Amino acid sequence: MMEESPTLLVFGSINQDIVLRVPEFPEPGQTLKALSASRATGGKGANQAAAASLQGTPTRMIGAVGNDSGGAEARAALESAGVDTSSLMVSDDAATGTAYINVRGDGENTIVVEPGANAALSGRTAENVFADARWALLSLEVPESAALEFATRAQRLGVRVALNASPNLSGPLPEGLVDLLIVNTVEISSLAGSAWQQIEDLPAAVGVESVVVTRGGAGADLFQRGEPVQHVPAEAVKVVDTTGCGDAFAGVMMAALTQGAQYQDALRQATSFAGRAAEHPGAMSAYFRIPKAKD
């Protein structure tokens, strides 16, 4: 009998994205007409799980939705990407979370999230969820206390923990809790109290052995034990929409690590996939349009 592949657990948010394509971001007090509008499943956790599963990595989503059409659509979208949704929590008291996204002509975006059912997510998941897991990926569009509780339980049960610290943590990261930290250049300052020029100090400042810094069009960097290890430049792409590119990066990076890839190889795969995601409109929906890399 063939041994089953290890699983990636994704603990995070699930939203309905309402996307407005706009000629420019509105100024305070200004009213603009949108060029178009659309709705699709999103949320950092859901996006990351879909991106990971589409790489062929068994992926289980731990998140919360409302008992509504948005929740049903989210479950269907995740399952269409091959994600295991058996651990989803369904709330009768709150609607599925909603993200309001403005996308400008150059692909840049602004996002406002109404958490909805995400706010009810608990870290007290049944222990059998962790049984075949190698890595757990967490993000912070859900209650921070729940995410940290889930991380603690995962670590205690022998599952390695990756944190995509987005949105920002409210305080210092508990020492020794996270094996891999994924942050962008904005989140660096919040975590380490330093600017980009002092990024070499970040791993020591946050107490994490491995740190990945995503830099958008400038690529991504890997630091281990306080030392710069690798820089991967971004591929030249025609940017249509950057929504969900950071989620794509995190999901693919963790899919590769769960499959046993080295950090350097995982970083290259994630950077390439995130760049190609920017060539298509939408977040999760863009991932389905990216051809699978040839072996």
C-alpha atoms as a PDB file:
ATOM      1  CA  MET A   1       0.000   0.000   0.000  1.00  0.00           C
ATOM      2  CA  MET A   2       1.337   3.438  -0.930  1.00  0.00           C
ATOM      3  CA  GLU A   3       2.015   5.833   1.931  1.00  0.00           C
ATOM      4  CA  GLU A   4      -0.328   8.810   1.957  1.00  0.00           C
ATOM      5  CA  SER A   5       1.170  12.223   1.245  1.00  0.00           C
ATOM      6  CA  PRO A   6       1.465  14.581   4.212  1.00  0.00           C
ATOM      7  CA  THR A   7      -1.194  17.250   4.599  1.00  0.00           C
ATOM      8  CA  LEU A   8      -0.966  21.017   4.804  1.00  0.00           C
ATOM      9  CA  LEU A   9      -3.375  22.610   7.305  1.00  0.00           C
ATOM     10  CA  VAL A  10      -4.515  26.150   6.526  1.00  0.00           C
ATOM     11  CA  PHE A  11      -6.056  28.060   9.433  1.00  0.00           C
ATOM     12  CA  GLY A  12      -7.527  31.371   8.345  1.00  0.00           C
ATOM     13  CA  SER A  13     -10.274  33.498   6.897  1.00  0.00           C
ATOM     14  CA  ILE A  14     -12.917  32.765   4.295  1.00  0.00           C
ATOM     15  CA  ASN A  15     -14.674  35.707   2.647  1.00  0.00           C
ATOM     16  CA  GLN A  16     -16.891  36.693  -0.174  1.00  0.00           C
ATOM     17  CA  ASP A  17     -14.904  39.211  -2.237  1.00  0.00           C
ATOM     18  CA  ILE A  18     -16.792  42.130  -3.774  1.00  0.00           C
ATOM     19  CA  VAL A  19     -14.405  43.543  -6.346  1.00  0.00           C
ATOM     20  CA  LEU A  20     -14.771  46.981  -7.905  1.00  0.00           C
ATOM     21  CA  ARG A  21     -12.467  47.918 -10.774  1.00  0.00           C
ATOM     22  CA  VAL A  22     -11.880  51.662 -10.477  1.00  0.00           C
ATOM     23  CA  PRO A  23     -10.057  54.297 -12.549  1.00  0.00           C
ATOM     24  CA  GLU A  24      -8.395  55.609  -9.375  1.00  0.00           C
ATOM     25  CA  PHE A  25      -8.719  55.135  -5.625  1.00  0.00           C
ATOM     26  CA  PRO A  26     -11.219  57.641  -4.203  1.00  0.00           C
ATOM     27  CA  GLU A  27     -10.077  60.560  -2.079  1.00  0.00           C
ATOM     28  CA  PRO A  28     -11.906  61.317   1.194  1.00  0.00           C
ATOM     29  CA  GLY A  29     -15.329  62.691   0.348  1.00  0.00           C
ATOM     30  CA  GLN A  30     -15.049  61.716  -3.331  1.00  0.00           C
ATOM     31  CA  THR A  31     -17.545  59.519  -5.203  1.00  0.00           C
ATOM     32  CA  LEU A  32     -16.361  57.474  -8.175  1.00  0.00           C
ATOM     33  CA  LYS A  33     -18.129  55.265 -10.696  1.00  0.00           C
ATOM     34  CA  ALA A  34     -16.733  51.738 -10.847  1.00  0.00           C
ATOM     35  CA  LEU A  35     -15.769  50.367 -14.247  1.00  0.00           C
ATOM     36  CA  SER A  36     -17.088  46.923 -13.301  1.00  0.00           C
ATOM     37  CA  ALA A  37     -18.080  44.815 -10.306  1.00  0.00           C
ATOM     38  CA  SER A  38     -17.817  41.120  -9.483  1.00  0.00           C
ATOM     39  CA  ARG A  39     -18.156  38.703  -6.566  1.00  0.00           C
ATOM     40  CA  ALA A  40     -16.115  35.599  -5.774  1.00  0.00           C
ATOM     41  CA  THR A  41     -14.813  33.535  -2.864  1.00  0.00           C
ATOM     42  CA  GLY A  42     -11.676  34.875  -1.186  1.00  0.00           C
ATOM     43  CA  GLY A  43     -10.134  35.523   2.204  1.00  0.00           C
ATOM     44  CA  LYS A  44      -6.473  34.963   3.014  1.00  0.00           C
ATOM     45  CA  GLY A  45      -6.982  31.463   4.350  1.00  0.00           C
ATOM     46  CA  ALA A  46      -9.221  30.287   1.523  1.00  0.00           C
ATOM     47  CA  ASN A  47      -6.912  31.747  -1.122  1.00  0.00           C
ATOM     48  CA  GLN A  48      -3.863  30.116   0.431  1.00  0.00           C
ATOM     49  CA  ALA A  49      -5.585  26.740   0.718  1.00  0.00           C
ATOM     50  CA  ALA A  50      -6.733  26.830  -2.911  1.00  0.00           C
ATOM     51  CA  ALA A  51      -3.278  27.804  -4.192  1.00  0.00           C
ATOM     52  CA  ALA A  52      -1.671  25.009  -2.186  1.00  0.00           C
ATOM     53  CA  SER A  53      -4.168  22.352  -3.211  1.00  0.00           C
ATOM     54  CA  LEU A  54      -3.834  23.258  -6.895  1.00  0.00           C
ATOM     55  CA  GLN A  55      -0.161  22.245  -6.612  1.00  0.00           C
ATOM     56  CA  GLY A  56      -1.274  18.697  -5.805  1.00  0.00           C
ATOM     57  CA  THR A  57      -0.644  18.948  -2.053  1.00  0.00           C
ATOM     58  CA  PRO A  58      -3.361  17.490   0.212  1.00  0.00           C
ATOM     59  CA  THR A  59      -4.751  20.577   1.940  1.00  0.00           C
ATOM     60  CA  ARG A  60      -7.299  20.925   4.719  1.00  0.00           C
ATOM     61  CA  MET A  61      -9.015  24.262   5.408  1.00  0.00           C
ATOM     62  CA  ILE A  62      -9.851  25.216   8.988  1.00  0.00           C
ATOM     63  CA  GLY A  63     -12.097  28.266   8.866  1.00  0.00           C
ATOM     64  CA  ALA A  64     -15.600  29.589   9.505  1.00  0.00           C
ATOM     65  CA  VAL A  65     -18.458  30.598   7.223  1.00  0.00           C
ATOM     66  CA  GLY A  66     -22.041  31.654   7.740  1.00  0.00           C
ATOM     67  CA  ASN A  67     -25.052  29.442   7.167  1.00  0.00           C
ATOM     68  CA  ASP A  68     -25.804  31.389   3.999  1.00  0.00           C
ATOM     69  CA  SER A  69     -25.296  31.414   0.240  1.00  0.00           C
ATOM     70  CA  GLY A  70     -21.837  32.936   0.647  1.00  0.00           C
ATOM     71  CA  GLY A  71     -20.778  30.057   2.864  1.00  0.00           C
ATOM     72  CA  ALA A  72     -22.132  27.475   0.417  1.00  0.00           C
ATOM     73  CA  GLU A  73     -20.352  29.189  -2.462  1.00  0.00           C
ATOM     74  CA  ALA A  74     -17.110  29.279  -0.492  1.00  0.00           C
ATOM     75  CA  ARG A  75     -17.275  25.574   0.289  1.00  0.00           C
ATOM     76  CA  ALA A  76     -17.949  24.789  -3.372  1.00  0.00           C
ATOM     77  CA  ALA A  77     -15.070  26.991  -4.542  1.00  0.00           C
ATOM     78  CA  LEU A  78     -12.621  25.371  -2.137  1.00  0.00           C
ATOM     79  CA  GLU A  79     -13.730  21.889  -3.062  1.00  0.00           C
ATOM     80  CA  SER A  80     -13.351  22.703  -6.759  1.00  0.00           C
ATOM     81  CA  ALA A  81      -9.667  23.373  -5.979  1.00  0.00           C
ATOM     82  CA  GLY A  82      -9.441  20.013  -4.204  1.00  0.00           C
ATOM     83  CA  VAL A  83      -9.386  21.406  -0.657  1.00  0.00           C
ATOM     84  CA  ASP A  84     -10.688  19.237   2.199  1.00  0.00           C
ATOM     85  CA  THR A  85     -13.506  21.277   3.783  1.00  0.00           C
ATOM     86  CA  SER A  86     -14.568  18.741   6.404  1.00  0.00           C
ATOM     87  CA  SER A  87     -13.224  20.953   9.225  1.00  0.00           C
ATOM     88  CA  LEU A  88     -15.143  24.105   8.271  1.00  0.00           C
ATOM     89  CA  MET A  89     -17.219  25.656  11.044  1.00  0.00           C
ATOM     90  CA  VAL A  90     -20.661  26.939  10.031  1.00  0.00           C
ATOM     91  CA  SER A  91     -22.084  29.790  12.108  1.00  0.00           C
ATOM     92  CA  ASP A  92     -25.820  30.375  12.470  1.00  0.00           C
ATOM     93  CA  ASP A  93     -25.170  33.688  14.210  1.00  0.00           C
ATOM     94  CA  ALA A  94     -22.954  35.492  11.700  1.00  0.00           C
ATOM     95  CA  ALA A  95     -22.822  35.862   7.941  1.00  0.00           C
ATOM     96  CA  THR A  96     -19.860  34.782   5.849  1.00  0.00           C
ATOM     97  CA  GLY A  97     -17.142  37.449   5.968  1.00  0.00           C
ATOM     98  CA  THR A  98     -16.994  40.040   3.209  1.00  0.00           C
ATOM     99  CA  ALA A  99     -14.021  41.801   1.633  1.00  0.00           C
ATOM    100  CA  TYR A 100     -14.572  45.016  -0.326  1.00  0.00           C
ATOM    101  CA  ILE A 101     -11.768  45.358  -2.863  1.00  0.00           C
ATOM    102  CA  ASN A 102     -10.960  48.298  -5.123  1.00  0.00           C
ATOM    103  CA  VAL A 103      -8.645  47.420  -8.019  1.00  0.00           C
ATOM    104  CA  ARG A 104      -6.968  50.240  -9.937  1.00  0.00           C
ATOM    105  CA  GLY A 105      -5.929  50.079 -13.585  1.00  0.00           C
ATOM    106  CA  ASP A 106      -2.296  49.266 -12.728  1.00  0.00           C
ATOM    107  CA  GLY A 107      -3.383  46.254 -10.657  1.00  0.00           C
ATOM    108  CA  GLU A 108      -2.874  47.826  -7.229  1.00  0.00           C
ATOM    109  CA  ASN A 109      -5.685  47.362  -4.720  1.00  0.00           C
ATOM    110  CA  THR A 110      -7.182  48.516  -1.454  1.00  0.00           C
ATOM    111  CA  ILE A 111      -9.140  46.127   0.757  1.00  0.00           C
ATOM    112  CA  VAL A 112     -11.570  46.555   3.646  1.00  0.00           C
ATOM    113  CA  VAL A 113     -12.750  43.386   5.406  1.00  0.00           C
ATOM    114  CA  GLU A 114     -15.918  42.828   7.454  1.00  0.00           C
ATOM    115  CA  PRO A 115     -15.004  39.648   9.403  1.00  0.00           C
ATOM    116  CA  GLY A 116     -18.442  38.118   9.852  1.00  0.00           C
ATOM    117  CA  ALA A 117     -18.157  34.425  10.794  1.00  0.00           C
ATOM    118  CA  ASN A 118     -14.342  34.641  10.758  1.00  0.00           C
ATOM    119  CA  ALA A 119     -14.550  36.389  14.139  1.00  0.00           C
ATOM    120  CA  ALA A 120     -16.068  33.252  15.662  1.00  0.00           C
ATOM    121  CA  LEU A 121     -13.269  30.899  14.577  1.00  0.00           C
ATOM    122  CA  SER A 122     -11.710  28.962  17.466  1.00  0.00           C
ATOM    123  CA  GLY A 123      -8.304  27.324  17.753  1.00  0.00           C
ATOM    124  CA  ARG A 124      -9.822  24.354  19.617  1.00  0.00           C
ATOM    125  CA  THR A 125      -9.917  21.995  16.643  1.00  0.00           C
ATOM    126  CA  ALA A 126     -10.193  18.239  17.152  1.00  0.00           C
ATOM    127  CA  GLU A 127      -6.781  16.585  17.501  1.00  0.00           C
ATOM    128  CA  ASN A 128      -7.416  14.191  14.610  1.00  0.00           C
ATOM    129  CA  VAL A 129      -7.119  17.201  12.281  1.00  0.00           C
ATOM    130  CA  PHE A 130      -3.361  17.155  12.955  1.00  0.00           C
ATOM    131  CA  ALA A 131      -2.850  13.419  12.479  1.00  0.00           C
ATOM    132  CA  ASP A 132      -1.327  13.398   8.977  1.00  0.00           C
ATOM    133  CA  ALA A 133      -0.162  17.028   8.828  1.00  0.00           C
ATOM    134  CA  ARG A 134       3.435  18.144   8.228  1.00  0.00           C
ATOM    135  CA  TRP A 135       2.890  21.933   8.215  1.00  0.00           C
ATOM    136  CA  ALA A 136       0.208  24.361   9.393  1.00  0.00           C
ATOM    137  CA  LEU A 137      -0.117  27.772   7.711  1.00  0.00           C
ATOM    138  CA  LEU A 138      -1.820  30.564   9.654  1.00  0.00           C
ATOM    139  CA  SER A 139      -2.806  34.130   8.812  1.00  0.00           C
ATOM    140  CA  LEU A 140      -4.462  36.887  10.817  1.00  0.00           C
ATOM    141  CA  GLU A 141      -7.821  37.855   9.282  1.00  0.00           C
ATOM    142  CA  VAL A 142      -9.216  35.705  12.112  1.00  0.00           C
ATOM    143  CA  PRO A 143      -8.941  36.292  15.883  1.00  0.00           C
ATOM    144  CA  GLU A 144      -5.258  36.445  16.730  1.00  0.00           C
ATOM    145  CA  SER A 145      -5.788  34.502  19.957  1.00  0.00           C
ATOM    146  CA  ALA A 146      -7.407  31.652  18.007  1.00  0.00           C
ATOM    147  CA  ALA A 147      -4.541  31.536  15.513  1.00  0.00           C
ATOM    148  CA  LEU A 148      -1.925  31.435  18.261  1.00  0.00           C
ATOM    149  CA  GLU A 149      -3.864  28.747  20.140  1.00  0.00           C
ATOM    150  CA  PHE A 150      -4.037  26.659  16.963  1.00  0.00           C
ATOM    151  CA  ALA A 151      -0.296  27.157  16.414  1.00  0.00           C
ATOM    152  CA  THR A 152       0.449  26.039  19.973  1.00  0.00           C
ATOM    153  CA  ARG A 153      -1.591  22.869  19.561  1.00  0.00           C
ATOM    154  CA  ALA A 154      -0.043  22.112  16.169  1.00  0.00           C
ATOM    155  CA  GLN A 155       3.461  22.492  17.538  1.00  0.00           C
ATOM    156  CA  ARG A 156       2.688  20.304  20.553  1.00  0.00           C
ATOM    157  CA  LEU A 157       1.484  17.558  18.188  1.00  0.00           C
ATOM    158  CA  GLY A 158       4.610  17.660  16.032  1.00  0.00           C
ATOM    159  CA  VAL A 159       3.299  19.848  13.188  1.00  0.00           C
ATOM    160  CA  ARG A 160       5.563  22.656  11.985  1.00  0.00           C
ATOM    161  CA  VAL A 161       4.045  26.142  11.982  1.00  0.00           C
ATOM    162  CA  ALA A 162       4.240  28.891   9.350  1.00  0.00           C
ATOM    163  CA  LEU A 163       2.717  32.302  10.008  1.00  0.00           C
ATOM    164  CA  ASN A 164       1.803  34.764   7.298  1.00  0.00           C
ATOM    165  CA  ALA A 165       1.657  37.770   9.637  1.00  0.00           C
ATOM    166  CA  SER A 166      -1.004  39.615   7.687  1.00  0.00           C
ATOM    167  CA  PRO A 167      -2.713  41.756   8.828  1.00  0.00           C
ATOM    168  CA  ASN A 168      -0.176  42.804  11.439  1.00  0.00           C
ATOM    169  CA  LEU A 169       0.208  41.145  14.829  1.00  0.00           C
ATOM    170  CA  SER A 170      -1.000  43.274  17.730  1.00  0.00           C
ATOM    171  CA  GLY A 171       2.112  42.553  19.783  1.00  0.00           C
ATOM    172  CA  PRO A 172       5.368  40.574  19.859  1.00  0.00           C
ATOM    173  CA  LEU A 173       5.388  37.066  18.413  1.00  0.00           C
ATOM    174  CA  PRO A 174       5.557  34.411  21.167  1.00  0.00           C
ATOM    175  CA  GLU A 175       9.106  33.062  21.171  1.00  0.00           C
ATOM    176  CA  GLY A 176       9.594  29.617  19.666  1.00  0.00           C
ATOM    177  CA  LEU A 177       6.032  29.275  18.393  1.00  0.00           C
ATOM    178  CA  VAL A 178       6.684  29.723  14.669  1.00  0.00           C
ATOM    179  CA  ASP A 179       9.115  27.824  12.415  1.00  0.00           C
ATOM    180  CA  LEU A 180       8.659  30.054   9.347  1.00  0.00           C
ATOM    181  CA  LEU A 181       7.485  33.651   9.172  1.00  0.00           C
ATOM    182  CA  ILE A 182       6.197  35.123   5.886  1.00  0.00           C
ATOM    183  CA  VAL A 183       5.887  38.920   5.819  1.00  0.00           C
ATOM    184  CA  ASN A 184       5.869  41.759   3.324  1.00  0.00           C
ATOM    185  CA  THR A 185       7.847  44.969   3.587  1.00  0.00           C
ATOM    186  CA  VAL A 186       5.040  46.781   5.432  1.00  0.00           C
ATOM    187  CA  GLU A 187       4.669  44.049   8.038  1.00  0.00           C
ATOM    188  CA  ILE A 188       8.416  44.002   8.733  1.00  0.00           C
ATOM    189  CA  SER A 189       8.346  47.373  10.457  1.00  0.00           C
ATOM    190  CA  SER A 190       5.411  46.389  12.653  1.00  0.00           C
ATOM    191  CA  LEU A 191       7.084  43.177  13.807  1.00  0.00           C
ATOM    192  CA  ALA A 192      10.688  44.266  14.200  1.00  0.00           C
ATOM    193  CA  GLY A 193      10.346  48.001  14.739  1.00  0.00           C
ATOM    194  CA  SER A 194      12.838  48.559  11.947  1.00  0.00           C
ATOM    195  CA  ALA A 195      12.835  49.809   8.379  1.00  0.00           C
ATOM    196  CA  TRP A 196      13.665  47.756   5.282  1.00  0.00           C
ATOM    197  CA  GLN A 197      17.334  48.820   5.521  1.00  0.00           C
ATOM    198  CA  GLN A 198      17.675  46.835   8.744  1.00  0.00           C
ATOM    199  CA  ILE A 199      15.954  43.687   7.471  1.00  0.00           C
ATOM    200  CA  GLU A 200      19.011  41.558   8.329  1.00  0.00           C
ATOM    201  CA  ASP A 201      18.099  42.096  11.987  1.00  0.00           C
ATOM    202  CA  LEU A 202      14.565  40.772  11.559  1.00  0.00           C
ATOM    203  CA  PRO A 203      15.049  37.050  12.330  1.00  0.00           C
ATOM    204  CA  ALA A 204      16.789  37.833  15.616  1.00  0.00           C
ATOM    205  CA  ALA A 205      14.234  40.520  16.468  1.00  0.00           C
ATOM    206  CA  VAL A 206      11.223  38.236  16.085  1.00  0.00           C
ATOM    207  CA  GLY A 207      12.796  35.001  17.315  1.00  0.00           C
ATOM    208  CA  VAL A 208      12.069  32.933  14.175  1.00  0.00           C
ATOM    209  CA  GLU A 209      14.753  30.824  12.515  1.00  0.00           C
ATOM    210  CA  SER A 210      13.427  31.155   8.943  1.00  0.00           C
ATOM    211  CA  VAL A 211      11.920  34.359   7.565  1.00  0.00           C
ATOM    212  CA  VAL A 212      10.644  35.067   4.054  1.00  0.00           C
ATOM    213  CA  VAL A 213      10.116  38.664   2.986  1.00  0.00           C
ATOM    214  CA  THR A 214       7.933  39.265  -0.069  1.00  0.00           C
ATOM    215  CA  ARG A 215       8.659  42.455  -1.996  1.00  0.00           C
ATOM    216  CA  GLY A 216       6.036  42.496  -4.744  1.00  0.00           C
ATOM    217  CA  GLY A 217       7.642  43.337  -8.077  1.00  0.00           C
ATOM    218  CA  ALA A 218      11.096  43.131  -6.485  1.00  0.00           C
ATOM    219  CA  GLY A 219      10.773  39.419  -5.693  1.00  0.00           C
ATOM    220  CA  ALA A 220      11.337  37.709  -2.348  1.00  0.00           C
ATOM    221  CA  ASP A 221      14.136  37.060   0.155  1.00  0.00           C
ATOM    222  CA  LEU A 222      14.903  34.165   2.473  1.00  0.00           C
ATOM    223  CA  PHE A 223      16.715  34.652   5.792  1.00  0.00           C
ATOM    224  CA  GLN A 224      17.773  31.788   8.039  1.00  0.00           C
ATOM    225  CA  ARG A 225      19.360  32.054  11.484  1.00  0.00           C
ATOM    226  CA  GLY A 226      19.701  35.791  10.962  1.00  0.00           C
ATOM    227  CA  GLU A 227      21.580  35.551   7.667  1.00  0.00           C
ATOM    228  CA  PRO A 228      20.404  36.340   4.111  1.00  0.00           C
ATOM    229  CA  VAL A 229      20.289  33.049   2.194  1.00  0.00           C
ATOM    230  CA  GLN A 230      18.563  33.698  -1.120  1.00  0.00           C
ATOM    231  CA  HIS A 231      16.951  36.410  -3.228  1.00  0.00           C
ATOM    232  CA  VAL A 232      14.550  35.395  -5.989  1.00  0.00           C
ATOM    233  CA  PRO A 233      13.676  38.200  -8.434  1.00  0.00           C
ATOM    234  CA  ALA A 234      10.110  38.533  -9.654  1.00  0.00           C
ATOM    235  CA  GLU A 235       9.380  37.347 -13.172  1.00  0.00           C
ATOM    236  CA  ALA A 236       8.551  39.967 -15.789  1.00  0.00           C
ATOM    237  CA  VAL A 237       4.756  39.866 -16.139  1.00  0.00           C
ATOM    238  CA  LYS A 238       1.991  42.129 -17.382  1.00  0.00           C
ATOM    239  CA  VAL A 239       0.225  43.059 -14.154  1.00  0.00           C
ATOM    240  CA  VAL A 240      -3.577  42.981 -14.310  1.00  0.00           C
ATOM    241  CA  ASP A 241      -4.532  42.533 -10.644  1.00  0.00           C
ATOM    242  CA  THR A 242      -2.326  42.030  -7.578  1.00  0.00           C
ATOM    243  CA  THR A 243      -5.223  40.916  -5.349  1.00  0.00           C
ATOM    244  CA  GLY A 244      -4.390  37.583  -3.756  1.00  0.00           C
ATOM    245  CA  CYS A 245      -0.779  37.439  -4.988  1.00  0.00           C
ATOM    246  CA  GLY A 246       0.613  37.364  -1.454  1.00  0.00           C
ATOM    247  CA  ASP A 247      -1.821  34.568  -0.590  1.00  0.00           C
ATOM    248  CA  ALA A 248      -0.767  32.684  -3.722  1.00  0.00           C
ATOM    249  CA  PHE A 249       2.858  33.010  -2.661  1.00  0.00           C
ATOM    250  CA  ALA A 250       2.229  31.702   0.868  1.00  0.00           C
ATOM    251  CA  GLY A 251       0.045  28.818  -0.300  1.00  0.00           C
ATOM    252  CA  VAL A 252       2.487  27.604  -2.943  1.00  0.00           C
ATOM    253  CA  MET A 253       5.507  28.011  -0.673  1.00  0.00           C
ATOM    254  CA  MET A 254       3.865  25.878   1.995  1.00  0.00           C
ATOM    255  CA  ALA A 255       2.615  23.319  -0.534  1.00  0.00           C
ATOM    256  CA  ALA A 256       6.193  22.814  -1.701  1.00  0.00           C
ATOM    257  CA  LEU A 257       7.575  22.542   1.846  1.00  0.00           C
ATOM    258  CA  THR A 258       4.838  20.063   2.774  1.00  0.00           C
ATOM    259  CA  GLN A 259       5.865  17.951  -0.208  1.00  0.00           C
ATOM    260  CA  GLY A 260       9.443  17.936   1.094  1.00  0.00           C
ATOM    261  CA  ALA A 261      11.045  20.688  -0.997  1.00  0.00           C
ATOM    262  CA  GLN A 262      13.984  22.685   0.334  1.00  0.00           C
ATOM    263  CA  TYR A 263      13.333  26.300   1.300  1.00  0.00           C
ATOM    264  CA  GLN A 264      15.198  27.650  -1.731  1.00  0.00           C
ATOM    265  CA  ASP A 265      13.171  25.567  -4.205  1.00  0.00           C
ATOM    266  CA  ALA A 266       9.926  26.429  -2.440  1.00  0.00           C
ATOM    267  CA  LEU A 267      10.788  30.139  -2.629  1.00  0.00           C
ATOM    268  CA  ARG A 268      11.348  29.940  -6.381  1.00  0.00           C
ATOM    269  CA  GLN A 269       8.073  28.090  -6.963  1.00  0.00           C
ATOM    270  CA  ALA A 270       6.115  30.562  -4.852  1.00  0.00           C
ATOM    271  CA  THR A 271       7.633  33.648  -6.482  1.00  0.00           C
ATOM    272  CA  SER A 272       6.879  32.320  -9.963  1.00  0.00           C
ATOM    273  CA  PHE A 273       3.275  31.389  -9.155  1.00  0.00           C
ATOM    274  CA  ALA A 274       2.531  34.709  -7.445  1.00  0.00           C
ATOM    275  CA  GLY A 275       3.843  36.606 -10.458  1.00  0.00           C
ATOM    276  CA  ARG A 276       1.692  34.610 -12.849  1.00  0.00           C
ATOM    277  CA  ALA A 277      -1.341  35.166 -10.609  1.00  0.00           C
ATOM    278  CA  ALA A 278      -0.946  38.920 -11.159  1.00  0.00           C
ATOM    279  CA  GLU A 279      -1.512  38.405 -14.887  1.00  0.00           C
ATOM    280  CA  HIS A 280      -5.170  37.491 -14.279  1.00  0.00           C
ATOM    281  CA  PRO A 281      -8.102  39.309 -12.649  1.00  0.00           C
ATOM    282  CA  GLY A 282      -9.366  38.185  -9.258  1.00  0.00           C
ATOM    283  CA  ALA A 283      -7.690  36.332  -6.412  1.00  0.00           C
ATOM    284  CA  MET A 284      -8.573  32.635  -6.091  1.00  0.00           C
ATOM    285  CA  SER A 285     -10.166  32.614  -9.536  1.00  0.00           C
ATOM    286  CA  ALA A 286      -6.798  33.637 -11.037  1.00  0.00           C
ATOM    287  CA  TYR A 287      -5.070  30.540  -9.649  1.00  0.00           C
ATOM    288  CA  PHE A 288      -7.186  28.217 -11.773  1.00  0.00           C
ATOM    289  CA  ARG A 289      -5.934  29.972 -14.927  1.00  0.00           C
ATOM    290  CA  ILE A 290      -2.238  29.299 -14.259  1.00  0.00           C
ATOM    291  CA  PRO A 291      -0.835  26.292 -16.126  1.00  0.00           C
ATOM    292  CA  LYS A 292       0.823  23.709 -13.905  1.00  0.00           C
ATOM    293  CA  ALA A 293       4.622  23.798 -14.022  1.00  0.00           C
ATOM    294  CA  LYS A 294       6.219  20.918 -15.894  1.00  0.00           C
ATOM    295  CA  ASP A 295       8.426  18.551 -13.901  1.00  0.00           C
END
